Amino acid sequence: MDFIIESLKKQEPSFEELIACLEKIKSNGEVAVIKFDGQRKDSSYTVFVSFPDNKREMIRADENDLKKALVNVLLRYVEEYRT
């Protein structure tokens, strides 16, 4: 979790750092997905984290900007993890 928090504190985390954050989520047994949707004109990037081993609600972001979608999902993941 510390790696994710530190990455999100940066002004402009790189895509490599954000993907590494998803790898950390994967290592916790959760599922992380990035979807590129060519059928949609708006919000064509979807990022979500699901929790197959428990009843937690999926965390999802649909955005026009992939980095924004990644950051939004990661921020919500950290916020929910702390509560």
PDB file of N, CA and C in Angstrom:
ATOM      1  N   MET A   1       0.826  -1.192   0.000  1.00  0.00           N
ATOM      2  CA  MET A   1       0.000   0.000   0.000  1.00  0.00           C
ATOM      3  C   MET A   1       0.871   1.257   0.000  1.00  0.00           C
ATOM      4  N   ASP A   2       2.006   1.197   0.701  1.00  0.00           N
ATOM      5  CA  ASP A   2       2.883   2.369   0.760  1.00  0.00           C
ATOM      6  C   ASP A   2       3.356   2.787  -0.630  1.00  0.00           C
ATOM      7  N   PHE A   3       3.659   1.807  -1.480  1.00  0.00           N
ATOM      8  CA  PHE A   3       4.115   2.123  -2.835  1.00  0.00           C
ATOM      9  C   PHE A   3       3.040   2.884  -3.604  1.00  0.00           C
ATOM     10  N   ILE A   4       1.799   2.448  -3.478  1.00  0.00           N
ATOM     11  CA  ILE A   4       0.691   3.110  -4.174  1.00  0.00           C
ATOM     12  C   ILE A   4       0.533   4.534  -3.663  1.00  0.00           C
ATOM     13  N   ILE A   5       0.555   4.702  -2.357  1.00  0.00           N
ATOM     14  CA  ILE A   5       0.400   6.034  -1.760  1.00  0.00           C
ATOM     15  C   ILE A   5       1.517   6.959  -2.221  1.00  0.00           C
ATOM     16  N   GLU A   6       2.753   6.480  -2.182  1.00  0.00           N
ATOM     17  CA  GLU A   6       3.887   7.311  -2.595  1.00  0.00           C
ATOM     18  C   GLU A   6       3.806   7.665  -4.077  1.00  0.00           C
ATOM     19  N   SER A   7       3.375   6.744  -4.897  1.00  0.00           N
ATOM     20  CA  SER A   7       3.235   7.022  -6.333  1.00  0.00           C
ATOM     21  C   SER A   7       2.184   8.094  -6.581  1.00  0.00           C
ATOM     22  N   LEU A   8       1.080   8.031  -5.837  1.00  0.00           N
ATOM     23  CA  LEU A   8      -0.009   8.992  -6.028  1.00  0.00           C
ATOM     24  C   LEU A   8       0.323  10.381  -5.488  1.00  0.00           C
ATOM     25  N   LYS A   9       1.303  10.480  -4.606  1.00  0.00           N
ATOM     26  CA  LYS A   9       1.715  11.783  -4.073  1.00  0.00           C
ATOM     27  C   LYS A   9       2.488  12.597  -5.105  1.00  0.00           C
ATOM     28  N   LYS A  10       3.025  11.933  -6.108  1.00  0.00           N
ATOM     29  CA  LYS A  10       3.817  12.624  -7.125  1.00  0.00           C
ATOM     30  C   LYS A  10       2.924  13.507  -7.988  1.00  0.00           C
ATOM     31  N   GLN A  11       3.495  14.611  -8.451  1.00  0.00           N
ATOM     32  CA  GLN A  11       2.774  15.543  -9.320  1.00  0.00           C
ATOM     33  C   GLN A  11       2.282  14.846 -10.586  1.00  0.00           C
ATOM     34  N   GLU A  12       3.151  14.097 -11.225  1.00  0.00           N
ATOM     35  CA  GLU A  12       2.824  13.388 -12.469  1.00  0.00           C
ATOM     36  C   GLU A  12       3.407  11.979 -12.418  1.00  0.00           C
ATOM     37  N   PRO A  13       2.717  11.041 -11.786  1.00  0.00           N
ATOM     38  CA  PRO A  13       3.246   9.670 -11.794  1.00  0.00           C
ATOM     39  C   PRO A  13       3.279   9.127 -13.227  1.00  0.00           C
ATOM     40  N   SER A  14       4.305   8.353 -13.520  1.00  0.00           N
ATOM     41  CA  SER A  14       4.434   7.795 -14.873  1.00  0.00           C
ATOM     42  C   SER A  14       3.465   6.627 -15.051  1.00  0.00           C
ATOM     43  N   PHE A  15       3.230   6.270 -16.313  1.00  0.00           N
ATOM     44  CA  PHE A  15       2.400   5.097 -16.580  1.00  0.00           C
ATOM     45  C   PHE A  15       3.034   3.848 -15.974  1.00  0.00           C
ATOM     46  N   GLU A  16       4.369   3.777 -16.011  1.00  0.00           N
ATOM     47  CA  GLU A  16       5.054   2.619 -15.437  1.00  0.00           C
ATOM     48  C   GLU A  16       4.764   2.503 -13.944  1.00  0.00           C
ATOM     49  N   GLU A  17       4.773   3.623 -13.237  1.00  0.00           N
ATOM     50  CA  GLU A  17       4.463   3.607 -11.802  1.00  0.00           C
ATOM     51  C   GLU A  17       3.011   3.210 -11.553  1.00  0.00           C
ATOM     52  N   LEU A  18       2.112   3.725 -12.371  1.00  0.00           N
ATOM     53  CA  LEU A  18       0.693   3.407 -12.189  1.00  0.00           C
ATOM     54  C   LEU A  18       0.417   1.930 -12.474  1.00  0.00           C
ATOM     55  N   ILE A  19       1.078   1.383 -13.486  1.00  0.00           N
ATOM     56  CA  ILE A  19       0.930  -0.049 -13.771  1.00  0.00           C
ATOM     57  C   ILE A  19       1.528  -0.865 -12.630  1.00  0.00           C
ATOM     58  N   ALA A  20       2.642  -0.422 -12.078  1.00  0.00           N
ATOM     59  CA  ALA A  20       3.236  -1.111 -10.925  1.00  0.00           C
ATOM     60  C   ALA A  20       2.269  -1.106  -9.741  1.00  0.00           C
ATOM     61  N   CYS A  21       1.493  -0.036  -9.594  1.00  0.00           N
ATOM     62  CA  CYS A  21       0.465   0.015  -8.545  1.00  0.00           C
ATOM     63  C   CYS A  21      -0.592  -1.058  -8.785  1.00  0.00           C
ATOM     64  N   LEU A  22      -0.993  -1.243 -10.032  1.00  0.00           N
ATOM     65  CA  LEU A  22      -1.962  -2.297 -10.348  1.00  0.00           C
ATOM     66  C   LEU A  22      -1.364  -3.676 -10.075  1.00  0.00           C
ATOM     67  N   GLU A  23      -0.069  -3.824 -10.292  1.00  0.00           N
ATOM     68  CA  GLU A  23       0.605  -5.089  -9.964  1.00  0.00           C
ATOM     69  C   GLU A  23       0.529  -5.362  -8.459  1.00  0.00           C
ATOM     70  N   LYS A  24       0.671  -4.323  -7.656  1.00  0.00           N
ATOM     71  CA  LYS A  24       0.542  -4.475  -6.194  1.00  0.00           C
ATOM     72  C   LYS A  24      -0.868  -4.923  -5.835  1.00  0.00           C
ATOM     73  N   ILE A  25      -1.855  -4.337  -6.491  1.00  0.00           N
ATOM     74  CA  ILE A  25      -3.253  -4.721  -6.253  1.00  0.00           C
ATOM     75  C   ILE A  25      -3.447  -6.188  -6.629  1.00  0.00           C
ATOM     76  N   LYS A  26      -2.887  -6.589  -7.756  1.00  0.00           N
ATOM     77  CA  LYS A  26      -2.973  -7.989  -8.199  1.00  0.00           C
ATOM     78  C   LYS A  26      -2.349  -8.923  -7.169  1.00  0.00           C
ATOM     79  N   SER A  27      -1.218  -8.508  -6.603  1.00  0.00           N
ATOM     80  CA  SER A  27      -0.541  -9.368  -5.622  1.00  0.00           C
ATOM     81  C   SER A  27      -1.357  -9.536  -4.342  1.00  0.00           C
ATOM     82  N   ASN A  28      -2.344  -8.653  -4.131  1.00  0.00           N
ATOM     83  CA  ASN A  28      -3.261  -8.781  -2.992  1.00  0.00           C
ATOM     84  C   ASN A  28      -4.424  -9.721  -3.299  1.00  0.00           C
ATOM     85  N   GLY A  29      -4.446 -10.285  -4.515  1.00  0.00           N
ATOM     86  CA  GLY A  29      -5.502 -11.219  -4.888  1.00  0.00           C
ATOM     87  C   GLY A  29      -6.697 -10.565  -5.554  1.00  0.00           C
ATOM     88  N   GLU A  30      -6.584  -9.263  -5.825  1.00  0.00           N
ATOM     89  CA  GLU A  30      -7.676  -8.568  -6.490  1.00  0.00           C
ATOM     90  C   GLU A  30      -7.439  -8.544  -8.004  1.00  0.00           C
ATOM     91  N   VAL A  31      -8.450  -8.149  -8.743  1.00  0.00           N
ATOM     92  CA  VAL A  31      -8.379  -8.116 -10.203  1.00  0.00           C
ATOM     93  C   VAL A  31      -8.381  -6.663 -10.658  1.00  0.00           C
ATOM     94  N   ALA A  32      -7.411  -6.302 -11.508  1.00  0.00           N
ATOM     95  CA  ALA A  32      -7.343  -4.956 -12.069  1.00  0.00           C
ATOM     96  C   ALA A  32      -7.435  -5.066 -13.590  1.00  0.00           C
ATOM     97  N   VAL A  33      -8.277  -4.214 -14.190  1.00  0.00           N
ATOM     98  CA  VAL A  33      -8.511  -4.272 -15.632  1.00  0.00           C
ATOM     99  C   VAL A  33      -8.437  -2.872 -16.227  1.00  0.00           C
ATOM    100  N   ILE A  34      -7.780  -2.770 -17.387  1.00  0.00           N
ATOM    101  CA  ILE A  34      -7.777  -1.543 -18.188  1.00  0.00           C
ATOM    102  C   ILE A  34      -8.451  -1.893 -19.509  1.00  0.00           C
ATOM    103  N   LYS A  35      -9.464  -1.111 -19.876  1.00  0.00           N
ATOM    104  CA  LYS A  35     -10.213  -1.370 -21.116  1.00  0.00           C
ATOM    105  C   LYS A  35     -10.114  -0.145 -22.032  1.00  0.00           C
ATOM    106  N   PHE A  36      -9.795  -0.391 -23.287  1.00  0.00           N
ATOM    107  CA  PHE A  36      -9.773   0.634 -24.329  1.00  0.00           C
ATOM    108  C   PHE A  36     -10.992   0.373 -25.204  1.00  0.00           C
ATOM    109  N   ASP A  37     -11.973   1.263 -25.165  1.00  0.00           N
ATOM    110  CA  ASP A  37     -13.240   1.014 -25.853  1.00  0.00           C
ATOM    111  C   ASP A  37     -13.353   1.894 -27.091  1.00  0.00           C
ATOM    112  N   GLY A  38     -13.122   1.304 -28.252  1.00  0.00           N
ATOM    113  CA  GLY A  38     -13.198   2.039 -29.508  1.00  0.00           C
ATOM    114  C   GLY A  38     -14.614   2.342 -29.960  1.00  0.00           C
ATOM    115  N   GLN A  39     -15.604   1.751 -29.320  1.00  0.00           N
ATOM    116  CA  GLN A  39     -17.003   1.983 -29.679  1.00  0.00           C
ATOM    117  C   GLN A  39     -17.554   3.258 -29.054  1.00  0.00           C
ATOM    118  N   ARG A  40     -16.932   3.714 -27.980  1.00  0.00           N
ATOM    119  CA  ARG A  40     -17.436   4.913 -27.290  1.00  0.00           C
ATOM    120  C   ARG A  40     -16.643   6.142 -27.712  1.00  0.00           C
ATOM    121  N   LYS A  41     -17.343   7.244 -27.904  1.00  0.00           N
ATOM    122  CA  LYS A  41     -16.682   8.509 -28.218  1.00  0.00           C
ATOM    123  C   LYS A  41     -16.261   9.231 -26.940  1.00  0.00           C
ATOM    124  N   ASP A  42     -17.045   9.098 -25.885  1.00  0.00           N
ATOM    125  CA  ASP A  42     -16.717   9.690 -24.588  1.00  0.00           C
ATOM    126  C   ASP A  42     -16.362   8.595 -23.607  1.00  0.00           C
ATOM    127  N   SER A  43     -15.490   8.945 -22.689  1.00  0.00           N
ATOM    128  CA  SER A  43     -15.088   8.012 -21.627  1.00  0.00           C
ATOM    129  C   SER A  43     -14.667   6.665 -22.208  1.00  0.00           C
ATOM    130  N   SER A  44     -13.748   6.717 -23.157  1.00  0.00           N
ATOM    131  CA  SER A  44     -13.360   5.494 -23.860  1.00  0.00           C
ATOM    132  C   SER A  44     -12.348   4.639 -23.100  1.00  0.00           C
ATOM    133  N   TYR A  45     -11.886   5.125 -21.948  1.00  0.00           N
ATOM    134  CA  TYR A  45     -10.996   4.332 -21.103  1.00  0.00           C
ATOM    135  C   TYR A  45     -11.736   3.941 -19.835  1.00  0.00           C
ATOM    136  N   THR A  46     -11.714   2.662 -19.529  1.00  0.00           N
ATOM    137  CA  THR A  46     -12.305   2.158 -18.297  1.00  0.00           C
ATOM    138  C   THR A  46     -11.220   1.436 -17.516  1.00  0.00           C
ATOM    139  N   VAL A  47     -11.124   1.765 -16.246  1.00  0.00           N
ATOM    140  CA  VAL A  47     -10.220   1.066 -15.333  1.00  0.00           C
ATOM    141  C   VAL A  47     -11.069   0.607 -14.171  1.00  0.00           C
ATOM    142  N   PHE A  48     -10.901  -0.658 -13.776  1.00  0.00           N
ATOM    143  CA  PHE A  48     -11.613  -1.100 -12.583  1.00  0.00           C
ATOM    144  C   PHE A  48     -10.812  -2.118 -11.795  1.00  0.00           C
ATOM    145  N   VAL A  49     -11.141  -2.178 -10.508  1.00  0.00           N
ATOM    146  CA  VAL A  49     -10.592  -3.172  -9.598  1.00  0.00           C
ATOM    147  C   VAL A  49     -11.774  -3.910  -9.009  1.00  0.00           C
ATOM    148  N   SER A  50     -11.726  -5.238  -9.070  1.00  0.00           N
ATOM    149  CA  SER A  50     -12.778  -6.045  -8.450  1.00  0.00           C
ATOM    150  C   SER A  50     -12.156  -6.932  -7.378  1.00  0.00           C
ATOM    151  N   PHE A  51     -13.016  -7.422  -6.516  1.00  0.00           N
ATOM    152  CA  PHE A  51     -12.583  -8.151  -5.329  1.00  0.00           C
ATOM    153  C   PHE A  51     -13.257  -9.523  -5.304  1.00  0.00           C
ATOM    154  N   PRO A  52     -12.697 -10.507  -6.002  1.00  0.00           N
ATOM    155  CA  PRO A  52     -13.371 -11.799  -6.145  1.00  0.00           C
ATOM    156  C   PRO A  52     -13.515 -12.589  -4.844  1.00  0.00           C
ATOM    157  N   ASP A  53     -12.678 -12.322  -3.866  1.00  0.00           N
ATOM    158  CA  ASP A  53     -12.721 -13.102  -2.628  1.00  0.00           C
ATOM    159  C   ASP A  53     -13.605 -12.513  -1.544  1.00  0.00           C
ATOM    160  N   ASN A  54     -14.212 -11.366  -1.801  1.00  0.00           N
ATOM    161  CA  ASN A  54     -15.137 -10.801  -0.811  1.00  0.00           C
ATOM    162  C   ASN A  54     -16.232 -10.008  -1.507  1.00  0.00           C
ATOM    163  N   LYS A  55     -17.106  -9.450  -0.747  1.00  0.00           N
ATOM    164  CA  LYS A  55     -18.316  -8.797  -1.287  1.00  0.00           C
ATOM    165  C   LYS A  55     -18.129  -7.301  -1.535  1.00  0.00           C
ATOM    166  N   ARG A  56     -16.888  -6.825  -1.527  1.00  0.00           N
ATOM    167  CA  ARG A  56     -16.667  -5.399  -1.762  1.00  0.00           C
ATOM    168  C   ARG A  56     -17.145  -5.005  -3.152  1.00  0.00           C
ATOM    169  N   GLU A  57     -17.660  -3.792  -3.230  1.00  0.00           N
ATOM    170  CA  GLU A  57     -18.119  -3.265  -4.517  1.00  0.00           C
ATOM    171  C   GLU A  57     -16.919  -2.916  -5.398  1.00  0.00           C
ATOM    172  N   MET A  58     -17.052  -3.174  -6.680  1.00  0.00           N
ATOM    173  CA  MET A  58     -16.011  -2.864  -7.643  1.00  0.00           C
ATOM    174  C   MET A  58     -15.722  -1.363  -7.639  1.00  0.00           C
ATOM    175  N   ILE A  59     -14.455  -1.010  -7.828  1.00  0.00           N
ATOM    176  CA  ILE A  59     -14.040   0.384  -7.988  1.00  0.00           C
ATOM    177  C   ILE A  59     -13.825   0.593  -9.480  1.00  0.00           C
ATOM    178  N   ARG A  60     -14.473   1.610 -10.045  1.00  0.00           N
ATOM    179  CA  ARG A  60     -14.440   1.795 -11.503  1.00  0.00           C
ATOM    180  C   ARG A  60     -14.352   3.274 -11.846  1.00  0.00           C
ATOM    181  N   ALA A  61     -13.616   3.561 -12.931  1.00  0.00           N
ATOM    182  CA  ALA A  61     -13.568   4.912 -13.490  1.00  0.00           C
ATOM    183  C   ALA A  61     -13.658   4.816 -15.003  1.00  0.00           C
ATOM    184  N   ASP A  62     -14.496   5.653 -15.588  1.00  0.00           N
ATOM    185  CA  ASP A  62     -14.618   5.792 -17.042  1.00  0.00           C
ATOM    186  C   ASP A  62     -14.215   7.222 -17.378  1.00  0.00           C
ATOM    187  N   GLU A  63     -13.167   7.375 -18.171  1.00  0.00           N
ATOM    188  CA  GLU A  63     -12.624   8.706 -18.458  1.00  0.00           C
ATOM    189  C   GLU A  63     -12.196   8.814 -19.919  1.00  0.00           C
ATOM    190  N   ASN A  64     -11.972  10.046 -20.352  1.00  0.00           N
ATOM    191  CA  ASN A  64     -11.390  10.312 -21.667  1.00  0.00           C
ATOM    192  C   ASN A  64      -9.869  10.238 -21.625  1.00  0.00           C
ATOM    193  N   ASP A  65      -9.306  10.281 -20.426  1.00  0.00           N
ATOM    194  CA  ASP A  65      -7.862  10.280 -20.221  1.00  0.00           C
ATOM    195  C   ASP A  65      -7.482   9.044 -19.397  1.00  0.00           C
ATOM    196  N   LEU A  66      -6.624   8.201 -19.944  1.00  0.00           N
ATOM    197  CA  LEU A  66      -6.266   6.953 -19.273  1.00  0.00           C
ATOM    198  C   LEU A  66      -5.572   7.198 -17.939  1.00  0.00           C
ATOM    199  N   LYS A  67      -4.646   8.127 -17.906  1.00  0.00           N
ATOM    200  CA  LYS A  67      -3.923   8.383 -16.659  1.00  0.00           C
ATOM    201  C   LYS A  67      -4.882   8.861 -15.574  1.00  0.00           C
ATOM    202  N   LYS A  68      -5.827   9.711 -15.941  1.00  0.00           N
ATOM    203  CA  LYS A  68      -6.820  10.187 -14.975  1.00  0.00           C
ATOM    204  C   LYS A  68      -7.649   9.022 -14.431  1.00  0.00           C
ATOM    205  N   ALA A  69      -8.039   8.103 -15.297  1.00  0.00           N
ATOM    206  CA  ALA A  69      -8.813   6.935 -14.859  1.00  0.00           C
ATOM    207  C   ALA A  69      -7.998   6.079 -13.895  1.00  0.00           C
ATOM    208  N   LEU A  70      -6.734   5.852 -14.210  1.00  0.00           N
ATOM    209  CA  LEU A  70      -5.870   5.067 -13.330  1.00  0.00           C
ATOM    210  C   LEU A  70      -5.731   5.724 -11.962  1.00  0.00           C
ATOM    211  N   VAL A  71      -5.444   7.013 -11.962  1.00  0.00           N
ATOM    212  CA  VAL A  71      -5.267   7.734 -10.698  1.00  0.00           C
ATOM    213  C   VAL A  71      -6.560   7.720  -9.889  1.00  0.00           C
ATOM    214  N   ASN A  72      -7.695   7.954 -10.529  1.00  0.00           N
ATOM    215  CA  ASN A  72      -8.975   7.958  -9.805  1.00  0.00           C
ATOM    216  C   ASN A  72      -9.239   6.621  -9.124  1.00  0.00           C
ATOM    217  N   VAL A  73      -9.018   5.530  -9.835  1.00  0.00           N
ATOM    218  CA  VAL A  73      -9.251   4.203  -9.251  1.00  0.00           C
ATOM    219  C   VAL A  73      -8.275   3.946  -8.107  1.00  0.00           C
ATOM    220  N   LEU A  74      -7.023   4.299  -8.297  1.00  0.00           N
ATOM    221  CA  LEU A  74      -6.033   4.065  -7.245  1.00  0.00           C
ATOM    222  C   LEU A  74      -6.315   4.900  -6.002  1.00  0.00           C
ATOM    223  N   LEU A  75      -6.729   6.148  -6.188  1.00  0.00           N
ATOM    224  CA  LEU A  75      -7.080   6.986  -5.033  1.00  0.00           C
ATOM    225  C   LEU A  75      -8.242   6.385  -4.253  1.00  0.00           C
ATOM    226  N   ARG A  76      -9.252   5.923  -4.962  1.00  0.00           N
ATOM    227  CA  ARG A  76     -10.405   5.307  -4.291  1.00  0.00           C
ATOM    228  C   ARG A  76     -10.023   3.993  -3.629  1.00  0.00           C
ATOM    229  N   TYR A  77      -9.128   3.242  -4.244  1.00  0.00           N
ATOM    230  CA  TYR A  77      -8.648   1.988  -3.666  1.00  0.00           C
ATOM    231  C   TYR A  77      -7.958   2.254  -2.324  1.00  0.00           C
ATOM    232  N   VAL A  78      -7.064   3.233  -2.304  1.00  0.00           N
ATOM    233  CA  VAL A  78      -6.352   3.585  -1.069  1.00  0.00           C
ATOM    234  C   VAL A  78      -7.334   4.079  -0.018  1.00  0.00           C
ATOM    235  N   GLU A  79      -8.273   4.935  -0.425  1.00  0.00           N
ATOM    236  CA  GLU A  79      -9.269   5.479   0.507  1.00  0.00           C
ATOM    237  C   GLU A  79     -10.102   4.355   1.133  1.00  0.00           C
ATOM    238  N   GLU A  80     -10.558   3.426   0.323  1.00  0.00           N
ATOM    239  CA  GLU A  80     -11.375   2.321   0.839  1.00  0.00           C
ATOM    240  C   GLU A  80     -10.553   1.369   1.692  1.00  0.00           C
ATOM    241  N   TYR A  81      -9.286   1.205   1.364  1.00  0.00           N
ATOM    242  CA  TYR A  81      -8.414   0.315   2.126  1.00  0.00           C
ATOM    243  C   TYR A  81      -8.215   0.846   3.545  1.00  0.00           C
ATOM    244  N   ARG A  82      -8.165   2.174   3.662  1.00  0.00           N
ATOM    245  CA  ARG A  82      -7.939   2.812   4.969  1.00  0.00           C
ATOM    246  C   ARG A  82      -9.163   2.757   5.869  1.00  0.00           C
ATOM    247  N   THR A  83     -10.353   2.585   5.293  1.00  0.00           N
ATOM    248  CA  THR A  83     -11.564   2.584   6.126  1.00  0.00           C
ATOM    249  C   THR A  83     -11.961   1.200   6.556  1.00  0.00           C
TER     250      THR A  83
END
